[in-house]
C-alpha cells in the first residue's frame, strides 16, 4: 500500500470520541485494551503520544507511543490498532511505518520496542515484516521485539 493514502493526526477534540468507537476483530480483542483506556492513560502519562489513523480521509485506527525511553533503552509503542472493517488492506503497516519515522526523530533514538502477546500472530507478522527482531525479551505475558535505528 502507498502510505500517501494513510496519515497520522494527533488526537484532538474532533477525533478522540470516534477513536473510542473503533473495534478490532473478536479474535484480537483479548490482546489489546480499548482505545478509551489508552486515551485515558494519556491524561495520566503525558509523555504518551496518541494519534488517529486516517485512510483516504476516514478515521480507521489508533496508535500511541511513549516519547521517553523506557526498558531496553528504547522508545516503546503502546498501541496500534486498525478497525476490523479496514483490516487486511495494509493500513496498519503503513501507519506503523509513519509512526516509526516520527519516533526516529526522538532524542537519542536507537531502538523502538513493542510488546505483544506471543499468540498474537497478526502483530508478529506486522512487526517482523518491518524489521523488528525478537531478542528473547519478555515482560510478564508479553514478548518484546526491537527495531534498531541506524
N, C-alpha and C. Protein backbone atom coordinates (compact mmCIF):
# COMPACT_ATOMS: atom_id res chain seq x y z
N UNK A 1 0.84 -1.19 0.00
CA UNK A 1 0.00 0.00 0.00
C UNK A 1 0.88 1.24 0.00
N UNK A 2 0.43 2.25 -0.64
CA UNK A 2 1.13 3.53 -0.67
C UNK A 2 0.74 4.33 0.56
N UNK A 3 1.75 4.78 1.31
CA UNK A 3 1.45 5.50 2.56
C UNK A 3 0.81 6.86 2.32
N UNK A 4 0.77 7.34 1.09
CA UNK A 4 0.14 8.65 0.86
C UNK A 4 -1.36 8.61 1.13
N UNK A 5 -1.98 7.42 1.15
CA UNK A 5 -3.40 7.30 1.48
C UNK A 5 -3.63 7.18 2.98
N UNK A 6 -2.54 7.03 3.75
CA UNK A 6 -2.62 6.87 5.19
C UNK A 6 -1.92 8.05 5.84
N UNK A 7 -2.55 8.61 6.88
CA UNK A 7 -1.88 9.68 7.61
C UNK A 7 -2.19 9.56 9.09
N UNK A 8 -1.31 10.13 9.88
CA UNK A 8 -1.49 10.17 11.33
C UNK A 8 -1.85 11.59 11.72
N UNK A 9 -2.84 11.72 12.59
CA UNK A 9 -3.28 13.02 13.09
C UNK A 9 -3.30 12.94 14.61
N UNK A 10 -2.65 13.90 15.26
CA UNK A 10 -2.67 13.89 16.72
C UNK A 10 -4.11 13.84 17.21
N UNK A 11 -4.30 13.09 18.29
CA UNK A 11 -5.63 13.01 18.87
C UNK A 11 -6.06 14.40 19.31
N UNK A 12 -7.31 14.73 19.05
CA UNK A 12 -7.79 16.07 19.37
C UNK A 12 -9.28 16.04 19.69
N UNK A 13 -9.83 17.19 19.95
CA UNK A 13 -11.23 17.32 20.33
C UNK A 13 -12.17 16.75 19.26
N UNK A 14 -11.78 16.84 18.00
CA UNK A 14 -12.64 16.40 16.91
C UNK A 14 -12.58 14.90 16.65
N UNK A 15 -11.49 14.21 17.05
CA UNK A 15 -11.39 12.80 16.66
C UNK A 15 -11.32 11.80 17.82
N UNK A 16 -11.16 12.26 19.05
CA UNK A 16 -10.95 11.32 20.15
C UNK A 16 -12.13 10.38 20.36
N UNK A 17 -13.35 10.91 20.27
CA UNK A 17 -14.52 10.07 20.54
C UNK A 17 -14.70 9.01 19.46
N UNK A 18 -14.47 9.40 18.22
CA UNK A 18 -14.57 8.43 17.13
C UNK A 18 -13.54 7.31 17.30
N UNK A 19 -12.37 7.65 17.81
CA UNK A 19 -11.36 6.62 18.10
C UNK A 19 -11.88 5.63 19.13
N UNK A 20 -12.63 6.10 20.09
CA UNK A 20 -13.19 5.22 21.13
C UNK A 20 -14.17 4.21 20.55
N UNK A 21 -14.81 4.54 19.44
CA UNK A 21 -15.80 3.65 18.82
C UNK A 21 -15.18 2.58 17.93
N UNK A 22 -13.89 2.69 17.61
CA UNK A 22 -13.24 1.70 16.74
C UNK A 22 -13.10 0.38 17.48
N UNK A 23 -13.16 -0.72 16.71
CA UNK A 23 -13.05 -2.06 17.31
C UNK A 23 -12.15 -2.96 16.47
N UNK A 24 -11.42 -3.83 17.15
CA UNK A 24 -10.66 -4.86 16.46
C UNK A 24 -11.56 -6.08 16.31
N UNK A 25 -11.10 -7.09 15.60
CA UNK A 25 -11.89 -8.32 15.44
C UNK A 25 -12.00 -9.03 16.79
N UNK A 26 -12.97 -9.90 16.90
CA UNK A 26 -13.17 -10.62 18.16
C UNK A 26 -11.96 -11.46 18.53
N UNK A 27 -11.24 -11.98 17.53
CA UNK A 27 -10.04 -12.77 17.80
C UNK A 27 -8.92 -11.92 18.39
N UNK A 28 -8.90 -10.65 18.08
CA UNK A 28 -7.84 -9.76 18.55
C UNK A 28 -8.18 -9.08 19.87
N UNK A 29 -9.45 -9.05 20.23
CA UNK A 29 -9.90 -8.27 21.39
C UNK A 29 -9.19 -8.66 22.68
N UNK A 30 -8.83 -9.93 22.83
CA UNK A 30 -8.17 -10.37 24.06
C UNK A 30 -6.74 -9.85 24.16
N UNK A 31 -6.18 -9.35 23.08
CA UNK A 31 -4.78 -8.93 23.06
C UNK A 31 -4.57 -7.44 23.25
N UNK A 32 -5.65 -6.65 23.24
CA UNK A 32 -5.46 -5.20 23.25
C UNK A 32 -6.54 -4.53 24.08
N UNK A 33 -6.14 -3.52 24.84
CA UNK A 33 -7.10 -2.73 25.60
C UNK A 33 -7.91 -1.86 24.63
N UNK A 34 -9.04 -1.37 25.11
CA UNK A 34 -9.85 -0.48 24.28
C UNK A 34 -9.11 0.84 24.06
N UNK A 35 -9.47 1.52 23.00
CA UNK A 35 -8.88 2.83 22.75
C UNK A 35 -9.26 3.82 23.84
N UNK A 36 -10.44 3.66 24.42
CA UNK A 36 -10.86 4.56 25.51
C UNK A 36 -9.90 4.45 26.69
N UNK A 37 -9.46 3.24 27.02
CA UNK A 37 -8.49 3.06 28.11
C UNK A 37 -7.17 3.72 27.74
N UNK A 38 -6.72 3.53 26.51
CA UNK A 38 -5.47 4.14 26.07
C UNK A 38 -5.54 5.66 26.11
N UNK A 39 -6.66 6.21 25.67
CA UNK A 39 -6.82 7.66 25.68
C UNK A 39 -6.83 8.18 27.11
N UNK A 40 -7.50 7.48 28.01
CA UNK A 40 -7.49 7.87 29.42
C UNK A 40 -6.07 7.82 29.97
N UNK A 41 -5.31 6.83 29.58
CA UNK A 41 -3.93 6.68 30.05
C UNK A 41 -3.09 7.90 29.69
N UNK A 42 -3.34 8.50 28.53
CA UNK A 42 -2.56 9.67 28.12
C UNK A 42 -2.78 10.86 29.04
N UNK A 43 -3.90 10.89 29.73
CA UNK A 43 -4.19 12.01 30.64
C UNK A 43 -3.37 11.91 31.93
N UNK A 44 -2.89 10.71 32.23
CA UNK A 44 -2.11 10.50 33.45
C UNK A 44 -0.63 10.27 33.16
N UNK A 45 -0.32 9.98 31.90
CA UNK A 45 1.06 9.81 31.47
C UNK A 45 1.29 10.72 30.26
N UNK A 46 1.63 11.98 30.52
CA UNK A 46 1.70 12.98 29.44
C UNK A 46 2.80 12.74 28.41
N UNK A 47 3.70 11.80 28.66
CA UNK A 47 4.73 11.51 27.64
C UNK A 47 4.20 10.61 26.54
N UNK A 48 3.00 10.05 26.72
CA UNK A 48 2.39 9.20 25.69
C UNK A 48 1.81 10.08 24.59
N UNK A 49 2.05 9.69 23.36
CA UNK A 49 1.61 10.46 22.20
C UNK A 49 0.56 9.66 21.42
N UNK A 50 -0.73 10.07 21.52
CA UNK A 50 -1.81 9.36 20.82
C UNK A 50 -2.11 9.98 19.45
N UNK A 51 -2.38 9.12 18.49
CA UNK A 51 -2.70 9.56 17.13
C UNK A 51 -3.87 8.77 16.58
N UNK A 52 -4.68 9.43 15.78
CA UNK A 52 -5.71 8.78 14.99
C UNK A 52 -5.08 8.41 13.65
N UNK A 53 -5.47 7.26 13.13
CA UNK A 53 -5.00 6.82 11.81
C UNK A 53 -6.13 7.07 10.82
N UNK A 54 -5.80 7.79 9.76
CA UNK A 54 -6.77 8.07 8.71
C UNK A 54 -6.36 7.35 7.43
N UNK A 55 -7.36 6.83 6.73
CA UNK A 55 -7.16 6.24 5.41
C UNK A 55 -8.15 6.92 4.47
N UNK A 56 -7.61 7.57 3.44
CA UNK A 56 -8.46 8.30 2.50
C UNK A 56 -9.47 9.19 3.23
N UNK A 57 -8.96 9.96 4.20
CA UNK A 57 -9.72 10.95 4.97
C UNK A 57 -10.73 10.37 5.95
N UNK A 58 -10.75 9.04 6.11
CA UNK A 58 -11.66 8.41 7.09
C UNK A 58 -10.84 7.90 8.27
N UNK A 59 -11.31 8.17 9.48
CA UNK A 59 -10.64 7.69 10.67
C UNK A 59 -10.84 6.18 10.77
N UNK A 60 -9.73 5.42 10.79
CA UNK A 60 -9.83 3.96 10.75
C UNK A 60 -9.01 3.26 11.84
N UNK A 61 -8.22 4.01 12.61
CA UNK A 61 -7.39 3.35 13.60
C UNK A 61 -6.82 4.31 14.63
N UNK A 62 -6.04 3.74 15.53
CA UNK A 62 -5.48 4.49 16.65
C UNK A 62 -4.11 3.92 16.98
N UNK A 63 -3.19 4.80 17.34
CA UNK A 63 -1.89 4.34 17.82
C UNK A 63 -1.38 5.29 18.88
N UNK A 64 -0.41 4.79 19.64
CA UNK A 64 0.14 5.59 20.73
C UNK A 64 1.54 5.07 21.04
N UNK A 65 2.45 6.02 21.29
CA UNK A 65 3.81 5.65 21.69
C UNK A 65 4.30 6.57 22.78
N UNK A 66 5.38 6.15 23.44
CA UNK A 66 5.95 6.97 24.51
C UNK A 66 7.09 7.80 23.96
N UNK A 67 7.15 9.05 24.36
CA UNK A 67 8.19 9.97 23.88
C UNK A 67 9.40 10.03 24.81
N UNK A 68 9.45 9.14 25.79
CA UNK A 68 10.64 9.00 26.63
C UNK A 68 11.07 7.54 26.60
N UNK A 69 12.37 7.32 26.75
CA UNK A 69 12.89 5.96 26.72
C UNK A 69 12.50 5.20 27.98
N UNK A 70 12.32 3.90 27.80
CA UNK A 70 11.93 3.03 28.91
C UNK A 70 12.84 1.80 28.92
N UNK A 71 12.25 0.65 29.29
CA UNK A 71 13.00 -0.60 29.33
C UNK A 71 13.72 -0.84 28.00
N UNK A 72 14.82 -1.56 28.10
CA UNK A 72 15.66 -1.90 26.96
C UNK A 72 16.24 -0.66 26.29
N UNK A 73 16.23 0.48 27.00
CA UNK A 73 16.75 1.74 26.48
C UNK A 73 16.13 2.11 25.14
N UNK A 74 14.83 1.84 25.02
CA UNK A 74 14.14 2.13 23.78
C UNK A 74 12.89 2.95 23.99
N UNK A 75 12.38 3.46 22.90
CA UNK A 75 11.09 4.14 22.88
C UNK A 75 10.03 3.07 22.57
N UNK A 76 8.98 3.02 23.37
CA UNK A 76 8.00 1.95 23.26
C UNK A 76 6.74 2.37 22.51
N UNK A 77 6.28 1.46 21.67
CA UNK A 77 4.97 1.57 21.04
C UNK A 77 3.98 1.00 22.05
N UNK A 78 2.96 1.76 22.39
CA UNK A 78 1.97 1.30 23.36
C UNK A 78 0.76 0.66 22.70
N UNK A 79 0.28 1.25 21.63
CA UNK A 79 -0.90 0.72 20.96
C UNK A 79 -0.78 0.97 19.46
N UNK A 80 -1.31 0.02 18.72
CA UNK A 80 -1.61 0.26 17.32
C UNK A 80 -2.75 -0.66 16.95
N UNK A 81 -3.79 -0.07 16.42
CA UNK A 81 -4.93 -0.87 16.01
C UNK A 81 -5.60 -0.24 14.80
N UNK A 82 -6.19 -1.11 13.99
CA UNK A 82 -6.99 -0.69 12.85
C UNK A 82 -8.35 -1.34 13.02
N UNK A 83 -9.40 -0.56 12.82
CA UNK A 83 -10.75 -1.06 12.96
C UNK A 83 -10.95 -2.30 12.09
N UNK A 84 -11.74 -3.24 12.62
CA UNK A 84 -11.94 -4.53 11.95
C UNK A 84 -12.44 -4.37 10.51
N UNK A 85 -13.19 -3.33 10.21
CA UNK A 85 -13.71 -3.12 8.86
C UNK A 85 -12.63 -2.71 7.86
N UNK A 86 -11.45 -2.30 8.37
CA UNK A 86 -10.40 -1.81 7.47
C UNK A 86 -9.12 -2.64 7.54
N UNK A 87 -9.19 -3.78 8.21
CA UNK A 87 -8.01 -4.62 8.32
C UNK A 87 -7.75 -5.37 7.01
N UNK A 88 -6.50 -5.78 6.83
CA UNK A 88 -6.13 -6.55 5.64
C UNK A 88 -5.87 -5.71 4.41
N UNK A 89 -5.76 -4.40 4.59
CA UNK A 89 -5.54 -3.50 3.45
C UNK A 89 -4.14 -2.87 3.48
N UNK A 90 -3.33 -3.24 4.47
CA UNK A 90 -2.00 -2.66 4.59
C UNK A 90 -1.96 -1.35 5.36
N UNK A 91 -3.10 -0.95 5.92
CA UNK A 91 -3.18 0.32 6.64
C UNK A 91 -2.33 0.28 7.90
N UNK A 92 -2.40 -0.82 8.65
CA UNK A 92 -1.61 -0.94 9.87
C UNK A 92 -0.12 -0.86 9.60
N UNK A 93 0.32 -1.50 8.55
CA UNK A 93 1.74 -1.46 8.18
C UNK A 93 2.16 -0.06 7.78
N UNK A 94 1.34 0.60 6.97
CA UNK A 94 1.66 1.97 6.54
C UNK A 94 1.68 2.92 7.74
N UNK A 95 0.70 2.78 8.64
CA UNK A 95 0.64 3.64 9.82
C UNK A 95 1.83 3.38 10.74
N UNK A 96 2.21 2.12 10.88
CA UNK A 96 3.37 1.78 11.72
C UNK A 96 4.64 2.38 11.13
N UNK A 97 4.78 2.33 9.82
CA UNK A 97 5.94 2.97 9.17
C UNK A 97 5.97 4.47 9.45
N UNK A 98 4.82 5.13 9.36
CA UNK A 98 4.76 6.56 9.64
C UNK A 98 5.12 6.84 11.10
N UNK A 99 4.62 6.00 12.01
CA UNK A 99 4.93 6.16 13.42
C UNK A 99 6.43 5.97 13.67
N UNK A 100 7.02 4.97 13.07
CA UNK A 100 8.46 4.73 13.23
C UNK A 100 9.24 5.95 12.74
N UNK A 101 8.83 6.53 11.63
CA UNK A 101 9.51 7.74 11.13
C UNK A 101 9.45 8.87 12.15
N UNK A 102 8.32 9.02 12.83
CA UNK A 102 8.20 10.04 13.87
C UNK A 102 9.07 9.69 15.08
N UNK A 103 9.06 8.44 15.47
CA UNK A 103 9.82 8.02 16.64
C UNK A 103 11.34 8.12 16.41
N UNK A 104 11.76 7.96 15.19
CA UNK A 104 13.19 8.08 14.87
C UNK A 104 13.71 9.49 15.14
N UNK A 105 12.83 10.48 15.19
CA UNK A 105 13.21 11.87 15.44
C UNK A 105 13.39 12.17 16.93
N UNK A 106 12.98 11.25 17.79
CA UNK A 106 13.10 11.46 19.24
C UNK A 106 14.57 11.49 19.65
N UNK A 107 14.90 12.18 20.74
CA UNK A 107 16.30 12.32 21.16
C UNK A 107 16.97 10.96 21.42
N UNK A 108 18.15 10.79 20.87
CA UNK A 108 18.96 9.58 21.07
C UNK A 108 18.21 8.29 20.74
N UNK A 109 17.39 8.34 19.72
CA UNK A 109 16.60 7.16 19.34
C UNK A 109 17.50 6.14 18.64
N UNK A 110 17.72 5.03 19.30
CA UNK A 110 18.47 3.93 18.70
C UNK A 110 17.64 2.66 18.61
N UNK A 111 16.56 2.60 19.41
CA UNK A 111 15.70 1.41 19.43
C UNK A 111 14.25 1.81 19.61
N UNK A 112 13.39 1.10 18.87
CA UNK A 112 11.95 1.19 19.07
C UNK A 112 11.51 -0.20 19.50
N UNK A 113 10.74 -0.25 20.56
CA UNK A 113 10.35 -1.53 21.15
C UNK A 113 8.83 -1.62 21.21
N UNK A 114 8.33 -2.81 20.97
CA UNK A 114 6.90 -3.05 21.12
C UNK A 114 6.71 -4.41 21.79
N UNK A 115 5.75 -4.45 22.70
CA UNK A 115 5.43 -5.71 23.36
C UNK A 115 4.06 -6.20 22.93
N UNK A 116 3.95 -7.51 22.78
CA UNK A 116 2.65 -8.09 22.44
C UNK A 116 2.61 -9.55 22.90
N UNK A 117 1.42 -10.08 22.99
CA UNK A 117 1.23 -11.45 23.43
C UNK A 117 1.79 -12.40 22.36
N UNK A 118 2.54 -13.41 22.75
CA UNK A 118 3.13 -14.33 21.76
C UNK A 118 2.11 -15.01 20.85
N UNK A 119 0.86 -15.14 21.29
CA UNK A 119 -0.16 -15.78 20.45
C UNK A 119 -0.79 -14.81 19.44
N UNK A 120 -0.40 -13.54 19.49
CA UNK A 120 -0.95 -12.55 18.57
C UNK A 120 -0.16 -12.63 17.25
N UNK A 121 -0.57 -13.54 16.40
CA UNK A 121 0.17 -13.79 15.16
C UNK A 121 0.13 -12.59 14.20
N UNK A 122 -0.97 -11.84 14.22
CA UNK A 122 -1.05 -10.65 13.36
C UNK A 122 0.01 -9.63 13.73
N UNK A 123 0.17 -9.39 15.03
CA UNK A 123 1.20 -8.45 15.49
C UNK A 123 2.58 -8.97 15.13
N UNK A 124 2.78 -10.26 15.32
CA UNK A 124 4.10 -10.84 15.00
C UNK A 124 4.44 -10.65 13.52
N UNK A 125 3.49 -10.93 12.65
CA UNK A 125 3.72 -10.77 11.21
C UNK A 125 4.00 -9.31 10.84
N UNK A 126 3.22 -8.40 11.43
CA UNK A 126 3.40 -6.98 11.14
C UNK A 126 4.80 -6.52 11.54
N UNK A 127 5.16 -6.75 12.80
CA UNK A 127 6.43 -6.21 13.29
C UNK A 127 7.63 -6.89 12.66
N UNK A 128 7.56 -8.18 12.41
CA UNK A 128 8.71 -8.83 11.77
C UNK A 128 8.87 -8.33 10.33
N UNK A 129 7.76 -8.03 9.65
CA UNK A 129 7.85 -7.51 8.28
C UNK A 129 8.47 -6.12 8.22
N UNK A 130 8.47 -5.42 9.37
CA UNK A 130 9.02 -4.07 9.43
C UNK A 130 10.42 -4.03 10.05
N UNK A 131 11.01 -5.21 10.25
CA UNK A 131 12.39 -5.25 10.73
C UNK A 131 12.56 -5.33 12.23
N UNK A 132 11.48 -5.55 12.98
CA UNK A 132 11.61 -5.75 14.42
C UNK A 132 12.12 -7.17 14.66
N UNK A 133 13.03 -7.33 15.62
CA UNK A 133 13.61 -8.63 15.91
C UNK A 133 13.33 -9.04 17.35
N UNK A 134 13.20 -10.35 17.54
CA UNK A 134 12.94 -10.91 18.86
C UNK A 134 14.28 -11.34 19.45
N UNK A 135 14.70 -10.64 20.51
CA UNK A 135 15.95 -10.97 21.20
C UNK A 135 15.69 -11.82 22.44
N UNK A 136 14.45 -12.29 22.60
CA UNK A 136 14.11 -13.12 23.75
C UNK A 136 13.66 -12.35 24.97
N UNK A 137 13.44 -11.04 24.84
CA UNK A 137 12.99 -10.24 25.98
C UNK A 137 11.52 -10.50 26.27
N UNK A 138 11.21 -10.71 27.54
CA UNK A 138 9.84 -10.98 27.96
C UNK A 138 9.48 -10.09 29.14
N UNK A 139 8.27 -9.58 29.13
CA UNK A 139 7.75 -8.75 30.22
C UNK A 139 6.38 -9.29 30.57
N UNK A 140 6.31 -10.03 31.65
CA UNK A 140 5.06 -10.65 32.04
C UNK A 140 4.59 -11.62 30.96
N UNK A 141 3.37 -11.42 30.46
CA UNK A 141 2.81 -12.30 29.44
C UNK A 141 3.17 -11.85 28.03
N UNK A 142 3.96 -10.78 27.91
CA UNK A 142 4.26 -10.25 26.58
C UNK A 142 5.72 -10.47 26.19
N UNK A 143 5.91 -10.61 24.90
CA UNK A 143 7.25 -10.62 24.34
C UNK A 143 7.53 -9.22 23.83
N UNK A 144 8.80 -8.83 23.83
CA UNK A 144 9.17 -7.51 23.32
C UNK A 144 10.09 -7.70 22.13
N UNK A 145 9.79 -6.99 21.04
CA UNK A 145 10.61 -7.03 19.84
C UNK A 145 11.18 -5.63 19.61
N UNK A 146 12.33 -5.58 18.96
CA UNK A 146 13.09 -4.34 18.84
C UNK A 146 13.38 -4.03 17.38
N UNK A 147 13.24 -2.76 17.03
CA UNK A 147 13.69 -2.27 15.73
C UNK A 147 14.87 -1.34 16.03
N UNK A 148 16.01 -1.68 15.45
CA UNK A 148 17.22 -0.88 15.65
C UNK A 148 17.25 0.23 14.61
N UNK A 149 17.57 1.44 15.07
CA UNK A 149 17.60 2.61 14.20
C UNK A 149 19.06 2.96 13.92
N UNK A 150 19.35 3.14 12.68
CA UNK A 150 20.75 3.49 12.29
C UNK A 150 21.03 4.95 12.52
